Amino acid sequence: MEREELKRCARRIMLDITEEDYEKLEKELKIILDGTKGFSKIENLEQVEPLVFPIIDDNKILREDKAEVSLDTDDVLRSSAYNHLNQIKIPKVVD
């Protein structure tokens, strides 16, 4: 992928990327694209059905989605010990 194409993509998704990061991105994309070249060697690939879900389990039973009434924001905030700007503050869990 050309650098100008990368820049165009970055602008479209509003990313601010440095020239150094573009160099890294170009190298990483080259590795990915080189890795996909082997797909062209697979015979009858266009006849293979795409994999939708990687785990096939006929016994898997998923529950039906049901819309439910959620808790009132004010009630939840009142019940929390620490909150700020309509968000509940919790202790830091990652160092």
PDB file of N, CA and C in Angstrom:
ATOM      1  N   MET A   1       0.854  -1.171   0.000  1.00  0.00           N
ATOM      2  CA  MET A   1       0.000   0.000   0.000  1.00  0.00           C
ATOM      3  C   MET A   1       0.899   1.234   0.000  1.00  0.00           C
ATOM      4  N   GLU A   2       0.595   2.152  -0.882  1.00  0.00           N
ATOM      5  CA  GLU A   2       1.395   3.361  -1.009  1.00  0.00           C
ATOM      6  C   GLU A   2       1.146   4.307   0.156  1.00  0.00           C
ATOM      7  N   ARG A   3       2.162   5.106   0.473  1.00  0.00           N
ATOM      8  CA  ARG A   3       2.064   6.037   1.597  1.00  0.00           C
ATOM      9  C   ARG A   3       0.903   7.021   1.403  1.00  0.00           C
ATOM     10  N   GLU A   4       0.707   7.512   0.195  1.00  0.00           N
ATOM     11  CA  GLU A   4      -0.385   8.473  -0.050  1.00  0.00           C
ATOM     12  C   GLU A   4      -1.750   7.832   0.209  1.00  0.00           C
ATOM     13  N   GLU A   5      -1.866   6.560  -0.129  1.00  0.00           N
ATOM     14  CA  GLU A   5      -3.121   5.848   0.130  1.00  0.00           C
ATOM     15  C   GLU A   5      -3.339   5.688   1.634  1.00  0.00           C
ATOM     16  N   LEU A   6      -2.268   5.398   2.364  1.00  0.00           N
ATOM     17  CA  LEU A   6      -2.355   5.307   3.826  1.00  0.00           C
ATOM     18  C   LEU A   6      -2.766   6.645   4.425  1.00  0.00           C
ATOM     19  N   LYS A   7      -2.179   7.725   3.926  1.00  0.00           N
ATOM     20  CA  LYS A   7      -2.523   9.055   4.428  1.00  0.00           C
ATOM     21  C   LYS A   7      -3.981   9.395   4.142  1.00  0.00           C
ATOM     22  N   ARG A   8      -4.446   9.027   2.962  1.00  0.00           N
ATOM     23  CA  ARG A   8      -5.848   9.281   2.598  1.00  0.00           C
ATOM     24  C   ARG A   8      -6.782   8.511   3.544  1.00  0.00           C
ATOM     25  N   CYS A   9      -6.437   7.258   3.830  1.00  0.00           N
ATOM     26  CA  CYS A   9      -7.247   6.453   4.756  1.00  0.00           C
ATOM     27  C   CYS A   9      -7.222   7.055   6.163  1.00  0.00           C
ATOM     28  N   ALA A  10      -6.054   7.488   6.608  1.00  0.00           N
ATOM     29  CA  ALA A  10      -5.925   8.072   7.947  1.00  0.00           C
ATOM     30  C   ALA A  10      -6.755   9.345   8.062  1.00  0.00           C
ATOM     31  N   ARG A  11      -6.739  10.175   7.024  1.00  0.00           N
ATOM     32  CA  ARG A  11      -7.558  11.403   7.053  1.00  0.00           C
ATOM     33  C   ARG A  11      -9.042  11.078   7.118  1.00  0.00           C
ATOM     34  N   ARG A  12      -9.449  10.052   6.386  1.00  0.00           N
ATOM     35  CA  ARG A  12     -10.877   9.692   6.347  1.00  0.00           C
ATOM     36  C   ARG A  12     -11.386   9.245   7.712  1.00  0.00           C
ATOM     37  N   ILE A  13     -10.520   8.584   8.494  1.00  0.00           N
ATOM     38  CA  ILE A  13     -10.957   8.139   9.826  1.00  0.00           C
ATOM     39  C   ILE A  13     -10.402   9.042  10.920  1.00  0.00           C
ATOM     40  N   MET A  14      -9.916  10.211  10.506  1.00  0.00           N
ATOM     41  CA  MET A  14      -9.473  11.265  11.417  1.00  0.00           C
ATOM     42  C   MET A  14      -8.377  10.814  12.377  1.00  0.00           C
ATOM     43  N   LEU A  15      -7.366  10.120  11.843  1.00  0.00           N
ATOM     44  CA  LEU A  15      -6.205   9.725  12.634  1.00  0.00           C
ATOM     45  C   LEU A  15      -5.062  10.683  12.336  1.00  0.00           C
ATOM     46  N   ASP A  16      -4.343  11.069  13.344  1.00  0.00           N
ATOM     47  CA  ASP A  16      -3.171  11.902  13.184  1.00  0.00           C
ATOM     48  C   ASP A  16      -1.955  10.998  13.354  1.00  0.00           C
ATOM     49  N   ILE A  17      -1.293  10.674  12.246  1.00  0.00           N
ATOM     50  CA  ILE A  17      -0.197   9.713  12.260  1.00  0.00           C
ATOM     51  C   ILE A  17       1.095  10.420  11.864  1.00  0.00           C
ATOM     52  N   THR A  18       2.161  10.155  12.605  1.00  0.00           N
ATOM     53  CA  THR A  18       3.466  10.748  12.298  1.00  0.00           C
ATOM     54  C   THR A  18       4.116   9.992  11.146  1.00  0.00           C
ATOM     55  N   GLU A  19       5.114  10.629  10.527  1.00  0.00           N
ATOM     56  CA  GLU A  19       5.845   9.977   9.441  1.00  0.00           C
ATOM     57  C   GLU A  19       6.506   8.688   9.922  1.00  0.00           C
ATOM     58  N   GLU A  20       7.002   8.698  11.162  1.00  0.00           N
ATOM     59  CA  GLU A  20       7.616   7.499  11.731  1.00  0.00           C
ATOM     60  C   GLU A  20       6.598   6.368  11.830  1.00  0.00           C
ATOM     61  N   ASP A  21       5.374   6.711  12.244  1.00  0.00           N
ATOM     62  CA  ASP A  21       4.321   5.701  12.347  1.00  0.00           C
ATOM     63  C   ASP A  21       3.922   5.174  10.969  1.00  0.00           C
ATOM     64  N   TYR A  22       3.949   6.043   9.944  1.00  0.00           N
ATOM     65  CA  TYR A  22       3.652   5.572   8.591  1.00  0.00           C
ATOM     66  C   TYR A  22       4.675   4.541   8.146  1.00  0.00           C
ATOM     67  N   GLU A  23       5.939   4.755   8.491  1.00  0.00           N
ATOM     68  CA  GLU A  23       6.978   3.782   8.128  1.00  0.00           C
ATOM     69  C   GLU A  23       6.688   2.427   8.774  1.00  0.00           C
ATOM     70  N   LYS A  24       6.344   2.445  10.063  1.00  0.00           N
ATOM     71  CA  LYS A  24       6.010   1.195  10.762  1.00  0.00           C
ATOM     72  C   LYS A  24       4.786   0.539  10.135  1.00  0.00           C
ATOM     73  N   LEU A  25       3.784   1.361   9.845  1.00  0.00           N
ATOM     74  CA  LEU A  25       2.543   0.839   9.276  1.00  0.00           C
ATOM     75  C   LEU A  25       2.789   0.205   7.913  1.00  0.00           C
ATOM     76  N   GLU A  26       3.611   0.861   7.098  1.00  0.00           N
ATOM     77  CA  GLU A  26       3.936   0.300   5.785  1.00  0.00           C
ATOM     78  C   GLU A  26       4.606  -1.066   5.914  1.00  0.00           C
ATOM     79  N   LYS A  27       5.551  -1.190   6.852  1.00  0.00           N
ATOM     80  CA  LYS A  27       6.244  -2.462   7.059  1.00  0.00           C
ATOM     81  C   LYS A  27       5.273  -3.548   7.525  1.00  0.00           C
ATOM     82  N   GLU A  28       4.395  -3.196   8.464  1.00  0.00           N
ATOM     83  CA  GLU A  28       3.440  -4.175   8.982  1.00  0.00           C
ATOM     84  C   GLU A  28       2.448  -4.605   7.911  1.00  0.00           C
ATOM     85  N   LEU A  29       1.965  -3.647   7.114  1.00  0.00           N
ATOM     86  CA  LEU A  29       1.031  -3.997   6.044  1.00  0.00           C
ATOM     87  C   LEU A  29       1.692  -4.869   4.987  1.00  0.00           C
ATOM     88  N   LYS A  30       2.963  -4.620   4.707  1.00  0.00           N
ATOM     89  CA  LYS A  30       3.688  -5.455   3.742  1.00  0.00           C
ATOM     90  C   LYS A  30       3.751  -6.904   4.235  1.00  0.00           C
ATOM     91  N   ILE A  31       4.019  -7.078   5.525  1.00  0.00           N
ATOM     92  CA  ILE A  31       4.065  -8.426   6.103  1.00  0.00           C
ATOM     93  C   ILE A  31       2.706  -9.112   5.952  1.00  0.00           C
ATOM     94  N   ILE A  32       1.641  -8.371   6.246  1.00  0.00           N
ATOM     95  CA  ILE A  32       0.289  -8.937   6.145  1.00  0.00           C
ATOM     96  C   ILE A  32      -0.038  -9.293   4.705  1.00  0.00           C
ATOM     97  N   LEU A  33       0.217  -8.359   3.776  1.00  0.00           N
ATOM     98  CA  LEU A  33      -0.103  -8.611   2.369  1.00  0.00           C
ATOM     99  C   LEU A  33       0.742  -9.744   1.793  1.00  0.00           C
ATOM    100  N   ASP A  34       2.019  -9.825   2.193  1.00  0.00           N
ATOM    101  CA  ASP A  34       2.862 -10.932   1.737  1.00  0.00           C
ATOM    102  C   ASP A  34       2.328 -12.266   2.272  1.00  0.00           C
ATOM    103  N   GLY A  35       1.795 -12.252   3.472  1.00  0.00           N
ATOM    104  CA  GLY A  35       1.244 -13.467   4.065  1.00  0.00           C
ATOM    105  C   GLY A  35      -0.009 -13.960   3.369  1.00  0.00           C
ATOM    106  N   THR A  36      -0.721 -13.056   2.714  1.00  0.00           N
ATOM    107  CA  THR A  36      -1.960 -13.464   2.039  1.00  0.00           C
ATOM    108  C   THR A  36      -1.724 -13.935   0.607  1.00  0.00           C
ATOM    109  N   LYS A  37      -0.519 -13.806   0.104  1.00  0.00           N
ATOM    110  CA  LYS A  37      -0.229 -14.225  -1.271  1.00  0.00           C
ATOM    111  C   LYS A  37      -0.446 -15.722  -1.465  1.00  0.00           C
ATOM    112  N   GLY A  38      -0.272 -16.492  -0.403  1.00  0.00           N
ATOM    113  CA  GLY A  38      -0.456 -17.941  -0.495  1.00  0.00           C
ATOM    114  C   GLY A  38      -1.884 -18.355  -0.823  1.00  0.00           C
ATOM    115  N   PHE A  39      -2.847 -17.472  -0.548  1.00  0.00           N
ATOM    116  CA  PHE A  39      -4.238 -17.811  -0.847  1.00  0.00           C
ATOM    117  C   PHE A  39      -4.455 -18.046  -2.344  1.00  0.00           C
ATOM    118  N   SER A  40      -3.697 -17.358  -3.182  1.00  0.00           N
ATOM    119  CA  SER A  40      -3.874 -17.508  -4.627  1.00  0.00           C
ATOM    120  C   SER A  40      -3.457 -18.896  -5.105  1.00  0.00           C
ATOM    121  N   LYS A  41      -2.704 -19.636  -4.299  1.00  0.00           N
ATOM    122  CA  LYS A  41      -2.255 -20.975  -4.676  1.00  0.00           C
ATOM    123  C   LYS A  41      -3.271 -22.059  -4.344  1.00  0.00           C
ATOM    124  N   ILE A  42      -4.315 -21.695  -3.597  1.00  0.00           N
ATOM    125  CA  ILE A  42      -5.332 -22.675  -3.195  1.00  0.00           C
ATOM    126  C   ILE A  42      -6.281 -22.904  -4.355  1.00  0.00           C
ATOM    127  N   GLU A  43      -6.389 -24.156  -4.780  1.00  0.00           N
ATOM    128  CA  GLU A  43      -7.274 -24.489  -5.895  1.00  0.00           C
ATOM    129  C   GLU A  43      -8.737 -24.403  -5.471  1.00  0.00           C
ATOM    130  N   ASN A  44      -9.561 -23.930  -6.358  1.00  0.00           N
ATOM    131  CA  ASN A  44     -11.019 -23.847  -6.170  1.00  0.00           C
ATOM    132  C   ASN A  44     -11.405 -23.039  -4.934  1.00  0.00           C
ATOM    133  N   LEU A  45     -10.612 -22.060  -4.566  1.00  0.00           N
ATOM    134  CA  LEU A  45     -10.895 -21.261  -3.380  1.00  0.00           C
ATOM    135  C   LEU A  45     -12.242 -20.542  -3.476  1.00  0.00           C
ATOM    136  N   GLU A  46     -12.596 -20.109  -4.678  1.00  0.00           N
ATOM    137  CA  GLU A  46     -13.870 -19.391  -4.854  1.00  0.00           C
ATOM    138  C   GLU A  46     -15.077 -20.298  -4.599  1.00  0.00           C
ATOM    139  N   GLN A  47     -14.870 -21.605  -4.573  1.00  0.00           N
ATOM    140  CA  GLN A  47     -15.973 -22.529  -4.325  1.00  0.00           C
ATOM    141  C   GLN A  47     -16.120 -22.875  -2.845  1.00  0.00           C
ATOM    142  N   VAL A  48     -15.194 -22.413  -2.015  1.00  0.00           N
ATOM    143  CA  VAL A  48     -15.249 -22.684  -0.586  1.00  0.00           C
ATOM    144  C   VAL A  48     -16.205 -21.707   0.072  1.00  0.00           C
ATOM    145  N   GLU A  49     -17.117 -22.240   0.865  1.00  0.00           N
ATOM    146  CA  GLU A  49     -18.082 -21.389   1.544  1.00  0.00           C
ATOM    147  C   GLU A  49     -17.397 -20.633   2.682  1.00  0.00           C
ATOM    148  N   PRO A  50     -17.637 -19.322   2.788  1.00  0.00           N
ATOM    149  CA  PRO A  50     -16.990 -18.545   3.860  1.00  0.00           C
ATOM    150  C   PRO A  50     -17.384 -19.058   5.238  1.00  0.00           C
ATOM    151  N   LEU A  51     -16.446 -18.990   6.170  1.00  0.00           N
ATOM    152  CA  LEU A  51     -16.695 -19.407   7.540  1.00  0.00           C
ATOM    153  C   LEU A  51     -17.354 -18.252   8.283  1.00  0.00           C
ATOM    154  N   VAL A  52     -18.551 -18.497   8.780  1.00  0.00           N
ATOM    155  CA  VAL A  52     -19.291 -17.447   9.471  1.00  0.00           C
ATOM    156  C   VAL A  52     -18.978 -17.459  10.957  1.00  0.00           C
ATOM    157  N   PHE A  53     -18.922 -18.633  11.548  1.00  0.00           N
ATOM    158  CA  PHE A  53     -18.649 -18.774  12.967  1.00  0.00           C
ATOM    159  C   PHE A  53     -17.624 -19.883  13.116  1.00  0.00           C
ATOM    160  N   PRO A  54     -16.494 -19.636  13.759  1.00  0.00           N
ATOM    161  CA  PRO A  54     -15.397 -20.604  13.762  1.00  0.00           C
ATOM    162  C   PRO A  54     -15.643 -21.882  14.559  1.00  0.00           C
ATOM    163  N   ILE A  55     -16.642 -21.882  15.424  1.00  0.00           N
ATOM    164  CA  ILE A  55     -16.905 -23.067  16.244  1.00  0.00           C
ATOM    165  C   ILE A  55     -18.248 -23.646  15.833  1.00  0.00           C
ATOM    166  N   ILE A  56     -18.205 -24.861  15.356  1.00  0.00           N
ATOM    167  CA  ILE A  56     -19.446 -25.521  14.963  1.00  0.00           C
ATOM    168  C   ILE A  56     -19.871 -26.424  16.108  1.00  0.00           C
ATOM    169  N   ASP A  57     -20.975 -26.091  16.728  1.00  0.00           N
ATOM    170  CA  ASP A  57     -21.480 -26.854  17.862  1.00  0.00           C
ATOM    171  C   ASP A  57     -22.994 -26.921  17.739  1.00  0.00           C
ATOM    172  N   ASP A  58     -23.484 -28.063  17.273  1.00  0.00           N
ATOM    173  CA  ASP A  58     -24.925 -28.215  17.076  1.00  0.00           C
ATOM    174  C   ASP A  58     -25.692 -28.197  18.388  1.00  0.00           C
ATOM    175  N   ASN A  59     -24.987 -28.410  19.507  1.00  0.00           N
ATOM    176  CA  ASN A  59     -25.659 -28.436  20.805  1.00  0.00           C
ATOM    177  C   ASN A  59     -25.748 -27.067  21.461  1.00  0.00           C
ATOM    178  N   LYS A  60     -25.174 -26.065  20.822  1.00  0.00           N
ATOM    179  CA  LYS A  60     -25.166 -24.721  21.402  1.00  0.00           C
ATOM    180  C   LYS A  60     -26.577 -24.128  21.306  1.00  0.00           C
ATOM    181  N   ILE A  61     -27.087 -23.725  22.431  1.00  0.00           N
ATOM    182  CA  ILE A  61     -28.409 -23.108  22.477  1.00  0.00           C
ATOM    183  C   ILE A  61     -28.228 -21.676  22.967  1.00  0.00           C
ATOM    184  N   LEU A  62     -28.581 -20.730  22.137  1.00  0.00           N
ATOM    185  CA  LEU A  62     -28.477 -19.334  22.506  1.00  0.00           C
ATOM    186  C   LEU A  62     -29.827 -18.839  22.996  1.00  0.00           C
ATOM    187  N   ARG A  63     -29.787 -17.987  23.984  1.00  0.00           N
ATOM    188  CA  ARG A  63     -31.036 -17.457  24.504  1.00  0.00           C
ATOM    189  C   ARG A  63     -31.608 -16.437  23.540  1.00  0.00           C
ATOM    190  N   GLU A  64     -32.886 -16.265  23.591  1.00  0.00           N
ATOM    191  CA  GLU A  64     -33.573 -15.273  22.789  1.00  0.00           C
ATOM    192  C   GLU A  64     -33.304 -13.888  23.379  1.00  0.00           C
ATOM    193  N   ASP A  65     -32.950 -12.935  22.541  1.00  0.00           N
ATOM    194  CA  ASP A  65     -32.755 -11.571  23.029  1.00  0.00           C
ATOM    195  C   ASP A  65     -34.100 -10.955  23.349  1.00  0.00           C
ATOM    196  N   LYS A  66     -34.183 -10.339  24.516  1.00  0.00           N
ATOM    197  CA  LYS A  66     -35.413  -9.682  24.927  1.00  0.00           C
ATOM    198  C   LYS A  66     -35.068  -8.294  25.443  1.00  0.00           C
ATOM    199  N   ALA A  67     -35.807  -7.305  24.979  1.00  0.00           N
ATOM    200  CA  ALA A  67     -35.605  -5.950  25.476  1.00  0.00           C
ATOM    201  C   ALA A  67     -36.175  -5.877  26.887  1.00  0.00           C
ATOM    202  N   GLU A  68     -35.399  -5.315  27.785  1.00  0.00           N
ATOM    203  CA  GLU A  68     -35.837  -5.177  29.164  1.00  0.00           C
ATOM    204  C   GLU A  68     -35.647  -3.736  29.612  1.00  0.00           C
ATOM    205  N   VAL A  69     -36.381  -3.358  30.614  1.00  0.00           N
ATOM    206  CA  VAL A  69     -36.252  -2.024  31.162  1.00  0.00           C
ATOM    207  C   VAL A  69     -34.945  -1.953  31.943  1.00  0.00           C
ATOM    208  N   SER A  70     -34.139  -0.936  31.655  1.00  0.00           N
ATOM    209  CA  SER A  70     -32.870  -0.805  32.358  1.00  0.00           C
ATOM    210  C   SER A  70     -33.056   0.020  33.623  1.00  0.00           C
ATOM    211  N   LEU A  71     -32.036  -0.004  34.439  1.00  0.00           N
ATOM    212  CA  LEU A  71     -32.080   0.743  35.691  1.00  0.00           C
ATOM    213  C   LEU A  71     -32.049   2.237  35.409  1.00  0.00           C
ATOM    214  N   ASP A  72     -32.669   3.006  36.246  1.00  0.00           N
ATOM    215  CA  ASP A  72     -32.668   4.450  36.128  1.00  0.00           C
ATOM    216  C   ASP A  72     -31.283   4.980  36.494  1.00  0.00           C
ATOM    217  N   THR A  73     -30.735   5.835  35.663  1.00  0.00           N
ATOM    218  CA  THR A  73     -29.384   6.366  35.863  1.00  0.00           C
ATOM    219  C   THR A  73     -29.241   7.057  37.212  1.00  0.00           C
ATOM    220  N   ASP A  74     -30.208   7.878  37.569  1.00  0.00           N
ATOM    221  CA  ASP A  74     -30.126   8.596  38.849  1.00  0.00           C
ATOM    222  C   ASP A  74     -30.114   7.634  40.031  1.00  0.00           C
ATOM    223  N   ASP A  75     -30.925   6.589  39.979  1.00  0.00           N
ATOM    224  CA  ASP A  75     -30.947   5.605  41.067  1.00  0.00           C
ATOM    225  C   ASP A  75     -29.604   4.891  41.191  1.00  0.00           C
ATOM    226  N   VAL A  76     -29.034   4.537  40.073  1.00  0.00           N
ATOM    227  CA  VAL A  76     -27.746   3.839  40.087  1.00  0.00           C
ATOM    228  C   VAL A  76     -26.660   4.752  40.652  1.00  0.00           C
ATOM    229  N   LEU A  77     -26.631   5.995  40.209  1.00  0.00           N
ATOM    230  CA  LEU A  77     -25.615   6.929  40.704  1.00  0.00           C
ATOM    231  C   LEU A  77     -25.778   7.199  42.196  1.00  0.00           C
ATOM    232  N   ARG A  78     -27.009   7.272  42.659  1.00  0.00           N
ATOM    233  CA  ARG A  78     -27.245   7.478  44.093  1.00  0.00           C
ATOM    234  C   ARG A  78     -26.769   6.290  44.920  1.00  0.00           C
ATOM    235  N   SER A  79     -26.828   5.104  44.347  1.00  0.00           N
ATOM    236  CA  SER A  79     -26.436   3.915  45.103  1.00  0.00           C
ATOM    237  C   SER A  79     -24.927   3.680  45.095  1.00  0.00           C
ATOM    238  N   SER A  80     -24.194   4.396  44.256  1.00  0.00           N
ATOM    239  CA  SER A  80     -22.740   4.206  44.205  1.00  0.00           C
ATOM    240  C   SER A  80     -22.045   5.137  45.199  1.00  0.00           C
ATOM    241  N   ALA A  81     -20.938   4.659  45.744  1.00  0.00           N
ATOM    242  CA  ALA A  81     -20.204   5.445  46.737  1.00  0.00           C
ATOM    243  C   ALA A  81     -19.495   6.634  46.093  1.00  0.00           C
ATOM    244  N   TYR A  82     -18.952   6.433  44.889  1.00  0.00           N
ATOM    245  CA  TYR A  82     -18.199   7.487  44.217  1.00  0.00           C
ATOM    246  C   TYR A  82     -18.693   7.634  42.785  1.00  0.00           C
ATOM    247  N   ASN A  83     -19.129   8.836  42.434  1.00  0.00           N
ATOM    248  CA  ASN A  83     -19.496   9.093  41.048  1.00  0.00           C
ATOM    249  C   ASN A  83     -19.156  10.525  40.693  1.00  0.00           C
ATOM    250  N   HIS A  84     -18.976  10.730  39.397  1.00  0.00           N
ATOM    251  CA  HIS A  84     -18.600  12.053  38.903  1.00  0.00           C
ATOM    252  C   HIS A  84     -19.071  12.172  37.456  1.00  0.00           C
ATOM    253  N   LEU A  85     -19.741  13.259  37.122  1.00  0.00           N
ATOM    254  CA  LEU A  85     -20.215  13.519  35.760  1.00  0.00           C
ATOM    255  C   LEU A  85     -21.034  12.352  35.196  1.00  0.00           C
ATOM    256  N   ASN A  86     -21.979  11.878  35.987  1.00  0.00           N
ATOM    257  CA  ASN A  86     -22.868  10.772  35.588  1.00  0.00           C
ATOM    258  C   ASN A  86     -22.126   9.471  35.289  1.00  0.00           C
ATOM    259  N   GLN A  87     -20.958   9.288  35.904  1.00  0.00           N
ATOM    260  CA  GLN A  87     -20.210   8.047  35.751  1.00  0.00           C
ATOM    261  C   GLN A  87     -19.820   7.549  37.130  1.00  0.00           C
ATOM    262  N   ILE A  88     -19.841   6.230  37.279  1.00  0.00           N
ATOM    263  CA  ILE A  88     -19.438   5.629  38.547  1.00  0.00           C
ATOM    264  C   ILE A  88     -17.925   5.471  38.537  1.00  0.00           C
ATOM    265  N   LYS A  89     -17.278   5.957  39.557  1.00  0.00           N
ATOM    266  CA  LYS A  89     -15.828   5.821  39.679  1.00  0.00           C
ATOM    267  C   LYS A  89     -15.513   4.543  40.417  1.00  0.00           C
ATOM    268  N   ILE A  90     -14.603   3.754  39.861  1.00  0.00           N
ATOM    269  CA  ILE A  90     -14.194   2.502  40.494  1.00  0.00           C
ATOM    270  C   ILE A  90     -12.693   2.542  40.713  1.00  0.00           C
ATOM    271  N   PRO A  91     -12.171   1.712  41.614  1.00  0.00           N
ATOM    272  CA  PRO A  91     -10.720   1.681  41.830  1.00  0.00           C
ATOM    273  C   PRO A  91      -9.985   1.222  40.564  1.00  0.00           C
ATOM    274  N   LYS A  92      -8.803   1.719  40.390  1.00  0.00           N
ATOM    275  CA  LYS A  92      -7.964   1.324  39.262  1.00  0.00           C
ATOM    276  C   LYS A  92      -7.652  -0.163  39.385  1.00  0.00           C
ATOM    277  N   VAL A  93      -7.790  -0.905  38.279  1.00  0.00           N
ATOM    278  CA  VAL A  93      -7.576  -2.350  38.331  1.00  0.00           C
ATOM    279  C   VAL A  93      -6.333  -2.787  37.565  1.00  0.00           C
ATOM    280  N   VAL A  94      -5.710  -1.869  36.831  1.00  0.00           N
ATOM    281  CA  VAL A  94      -4.513  -2.202  36.059  1.00  0.00           C
ATOM    282  C   VAL A  94      -3.415  -1.226  36.447  1.00  0.00           C
ATOM    283  N   ASP A  95      -2.216  -1.743  36.682  1.00  0.00           N
ATOM    284  CA  ASP A  95      -1.078  -0.859  36.986  1.00  0.00           C
ATOM    285  C   ASP A  95      -0.442  -0.328  35.746  1.00  0.00           C
TER     286      ASP A  95
END
